[in-house]
Protein backbone atom coordinates (compact mmCIF):
# COMPACT_ATOMS: atom_id res chain seq x y z
CA MET A 1 135.13 19.62 52.30
CA GLY A 2 133.79 21.71 50.48
CA ILE A 3 130.82 22.04 47.79
CA ILE A 4 133.36 22.09 44.56
CA PHE A 5 133.45 18.30 44.94
CA PHE A 6 129.72 17.35 44.81
CA LYS A 7 129.23 15.11 42.59
CA LYS A 8 126.48 16.41 40.06
CA LYS A 9 126.40 13.91 36.59
CA ARG A 10 124.02 13.01 35.12
CA GLU A 11 122.77 8.94 34.63
CA LYS A 12 119.43 7.02 33.11
CA LEU A 13 118.45 4.39 35.46
CA ASP A 14 115.77 1.87 35.28
CA ALA A 15 113.88 -0.65 37.04
CA ILE A 16 112.46 2.14 39.78
CA PRO A 17 110.13 0.71 42.52
CA ASP A 18 106.48 2.59 41.77
CA ASN A 19 106.48 2.96 45.65
CA LEU A 20 108.27 2.42 48.74
CA TRP A 21 106.87 0.30 50.69
CA ASP A 22 107.30 -2.76 48.72
CA ILE A 23 111.45 -1.77 48.25
CA GLU A 24 113.25 -4.45 50.22
CA VAL A 25 116.42 -3.60 52.51
CA VAL A 26 118.94 -5.25 55.06
CA ASP A 27 119.32 -4.12 58.25
CA ILE A 28 122.70 -3.36 60.19
CA ASP A 29 122.66 -6.78 61.42
CA GLY A 30 121.99 -8.47 58.35
CA LYS A 31 118.09 -9.65 58.63
CA LYS A 32 116.17 -8.71 55.19
CA MET A 33 112.67 -6.78 55.52
CA LYS A 34 110.50 -4.63 53.07
CA LEU A 35 110.06 -0.86 53.67
CA GLU A 36 106.41 -1.78 54.68
CA VAL A 37 107.61 -1.70 58.34
CA PHE A 38 107.69 1.52 58.23
CA ARG A 39 104.05 2.67 57.04
CA GLY A 40 102.42 4.26 59.51
CA TYR A 41 104.71 6.87 60.83
CA LYS A 42 104.10 10.27 60.27
CA ALA A 43 107.74 11.43 58.79
CA LEU A 44 110.61 8.76 57.47
CA ILE A 45 114.15 11.35 56.85
CA ILE A 46 115.73 8.53 54.43
CA VAL A 47 119.97 9.62 54.24
CA ASN A 48 123.17 7.73 53.15
CA VAL A 49 125.99 8.35 55.97
CA ALA A 50 129.60 8.23 56.29
CA SER A 51 131.88 8.03 59.24
CA SER A 52 134.60 9.07 57.83
CA CYS A 53 133.28 12.12 56.20
CA GLY A 54 134.02 15.82 56.85
CA LEU A 55 130.57 15.90 57.86
CA THR A 56 130.24 13.29 59.66
CA ARG A 57 130.17 14.46 63.28
CA THR A 58 127.51 17.50 62.75
CA GLN A 59 125.34 15.43 60.80
CA TYR A 60 125.49 12.85 63.57
CA LYS A 61 124.95 14.84 65.79
CA GLY A 62 122.05 16.93 63.90
CA LEU A 63 119.94 13.90 63.16
CA VAL A 64 120.52 12.00 66.78
CA LYS A 65 118.77 15.56 67.83
CA LEU A 66 115.87 15.50 65.25
CA HIS A 67 115.30 11.92 66.48
CA GLU A 68 115.62 11.89 70.25
CA LYS A 69 113.30 15.21 69.95
CA TYR A 70 110.35 14.01 67.16
CA ARG A 71 110.39 9.76 67.88
CA ASP A 72 107.37 10.02 70.39
CA GLN A 73 105.22 11.99 67.66
CA GLY A 74 106.21 10.16 64.71
CA LEU A 75 109.76 10.22 63.07
CA GLU A 76 111.86 7.37 62.12
CA ILE A 77 115.35 8.05 60.41
CA LEU A 78 116.28 5.19 58.33
CA ALA A 79 120.32 5.69 57.69
CA PHE A 80 121.65 3.63 54.52
CA PRO A 81 125.90 3.95 54.91
CA CYS A 82 126.91 3.71 51.06
CA ASN A 83 131.15 4.19 50.66
CA GLN A 84 130.97 5.73 47.00
CA PHE A 85 132.14 8.55 48.05
CA MET A 86 135.99 8.40 48.59
CA TRP A 87 135.34 5.16 50.61
CA GLN A 88 134.46 6.55 53.22
CA GLU A 89 132.68 4.14 55.14
CA HIS A 90 135.79 1.57 54.74
CA ARG A 91 133.94 0.12 57.62
CA CYS A 92 132.20 -3.32 58.38
CA GLU A 93 128.75 -3.09 59.83
CA LEU A 94 129.62 -4.13 62.68
CA GLU A 95 131.76 -1.65 62.77
CA ILE A 96 129.63 1.24 61.58
CA LYS A 97 126.88 -0.02 64.00
CA THR A 98 129.91 0.25 66.92
CA PHE A 99 130.86 4.11 66.03
CA VAL A 100 127.43 5.52 65.62
CA THR A 101 125.40 3.88 68.49
CA LYS A 102 128.88 4.23 70.83
CA LYS A 103 130.03 7.80 69.82
CA PHE A 104 126.58 9.46 68.76
CA GLY A 105 124.71 7.41 71.10
CA ALA A 106 122.10 6.55 67.63
CA SER A 107 118.84 4.96 68.59
CA PHE A 108 117.61 5.33 64.37
CA LYS A 109 117.34 2.46 62.44
CA LEU A 110 120.98 1.70 60.37
CA PHE A 111 121.22 -0.67 57.21
CA ALA A 112 123.68 -2.99 55.37
CA LYS A 113 125.93 -0.20 53.28
CA ILE A 114 124.53 0.09 49.65
CA GLN A 115 125.59 1.87 46.71
CA VAL A 116 123.18 5.38 45.47
CA ASN A 117 124.46 5.94 42.35
CA GLY A 118 125.79 3.80 38.85
CA PRO A 119 124.84 0.68 37.60
CA ASN A 120 124.30 -1.50 41.24
CA CYS A 121 122.65 2.02 42.07
CA HIS A 122 119.64 0.00 45.24
CA PRO A 123 116.57 0.48 43.96
CA LEU A 124 115.06 2.47 47.25
CA PHE A 125 117.61 5.20 46.00
CA LYS A 126 116.04 5.16 42.56
CA TYR A 127 113.15 5.55 44.12
CA LEU A 128 114.44 7.98 46.14
CA ARG A 129 116.12 10.12 43.37
CA ALA A 130 113.36 9.77 40.70
CA GLY A 131 110.66 11.68 43.05
CA SER A 132 113.06 14.16 43.70
CA ILE A 133 114.31 17.26 42.83
CA LEU A 134 117.03 15.17 40.96
CA TYR A 135 114.94 13.62 38.39
CA ASP A 136 114.84 15.81 34.85
CA PRO A 137 111.60 14.43 33.36
CA LYS A 138 112.03 16.12 30.24
CA LYS A 139 115.99 14.28 29.47
CA LYS A 140 114.28 11.40 31.69
CA THR A 141 117.93 11.71 33.05
CA PHE A 142 118.91 10.80 37.24
CA GLN A 143 121.95 13.87 39.06
CA GLU A 144 124.00 11.76 40.92
CA ILE A 145 123.70 11.58 44.70
CA PRO A 146 125.80 14.48 45.60
CA TRP A 147 127.83 13.31 48.54
CA ASN A 148 127.47 12.08 51.62
CA PHE A 149 124.34 12.61 53.91
CA ALA A 150 121.81 13.72 51.20
CA LYS A 151 118.42 14.23 53.30
CA PHE A 152 115.23 12.84 52.28
CA LEU A 153 111.83 14.00 53.84
CA VAL A 154 109.08 11.03 52.94
CA ASN A 155 105.96 11.07 54.04
CA SER A 156 103.82 8.64 55.46
CA GLU A 157 102.52 8.14 52.05
CA GLY A 158 105.87 7.38 51.05
CA LYS A 159 105.92 10.16 48.67
CA VAL A 160 109.61 12.33 48.71
CA LEU A 161 108.30 15.60 49.83
CA LYS A 162 112.07 16.99 49.40
CA MET A 163 116.00 16.41 49.36
CA TYR A 164 118.33 18.19 51.62
CA GLU A 165 121.83 18.04 50.57
CA PRO A 166 124.46 16.95 52.02
CA PRO A 167 126.14 20.36 53.57
CA VAL A 168 122.44 21.33 54.98
CA LYS A 169 122.33 20.88 58.77
CA PRO A 170 119.47 18.55 59.82
CA GLU A 171 117.98 21.13 62.61
CA VAL A 172 116.74 22.70 58.79
CA ILE A 173 114.65 20.41 58.66
CA GLU A 174 113.20 20.71 61.83
CA LYS A 175 110.42 23.39 60.38
CA GLU A 176 109.07 21.44 57.91
CA LEU A 177 109.33 18.43 59.81
CA GLU A 178 107.11 19.84 62.40
CA SER A 179 104.53 21.06 60.05
CA LEU A 180 104.23 17.59 58.64
CA LEU A 181 103.87 15.82 62.11
CA LYS A 182 101.05 17.79 63.08
CA SER A 183 99.35 17.59 59.69
CA SER A 184 99.86 13.32 59.48
CA PRO A 185 96.89 11.38 60.14
CA GLU A 186 97.49 9.74 63.75
CA GLN A 187 98.85 6.14 62.71
CA LYS A 188 99.95 2.89 64.60
CA PRO A 189 103.48 1.68 62.31
CA LYS A 190 103.81 -1.73 61.22
CA GLU A 191 104.94 -4.61 63.93
CA LEU A 192 108.56 -3.76 65.03
CA VAL A 193 110.78 -4.38 67.91
CA LYS A 194 113.89 -2.36 68.35
CA SER A 195 116.94 -2.93 68.78
CA ASN A 196 120.15 -0.51 69.41
CA SER A 197 120.90 -1.13 65.58
CA GLY A 198 117.84 -2.57 63.74
CA ILE A 199 114.25 -3.31 63.53
CA SER A 200 112.60 -6.53 63.25
CA SER A 201 109.10 -7.65 62.10
CA ASN A 202 109.04 -10.70 64.17
CA GLU A 203 107.59 -9.78 67.34
CA ASN A 204 105.03 -7.32 68.22
CA PHE A 205 105.77 -3.30 68.64
CA SER A 206 103.24 -0.52 69.11
CA ARG A 207 104.17 3.42 69.20
CA ASN A 208 101.21 5.64 69.69
CA PHE A 209 101.78 8.98 67.92
CA VAL A 210 100.40 12.64 69.89
């Protein structure tokens, strides 16, 4: 898939969340939660994903590699399936979960399908776009998420530090990620319990980051 097809359209968005932690999401198993449960991680990578894209294999493999290497140092990855780009995420949530965990061995957090552009854009991606290079403060317009696998690096305060375009391999993020993990204060995330598909906030889970 050549970059010539990537979206460059701009649009107006309203009701932009003023912080990351109050945004409500639904995990791949249908459980609702606020992103507050991820407060305390030193770094988050938030990405819109798809199972039938030309980028799927390299992007998922790279994300899994990053997560395995840095999760014990304070990284979490939040992956949000989206079917807005040539219908390349046509699977249901159960099929997505099976595909990602069995084919790539992913153990990072997976969520229910959302929209990242247009009138039904999820509040999370409104927030990410508003905090990134996609926002034009002079015109007060937002460039659309260009394609599957737009990656946002977010710090422990919930601030968007950088957006990486879809074709950029996750390995390219590593240098900035390492710097962020080393410079962030040691914290503990909110109480979580891990599964191979998502998270729940009703049982205890904590990790000491070093």
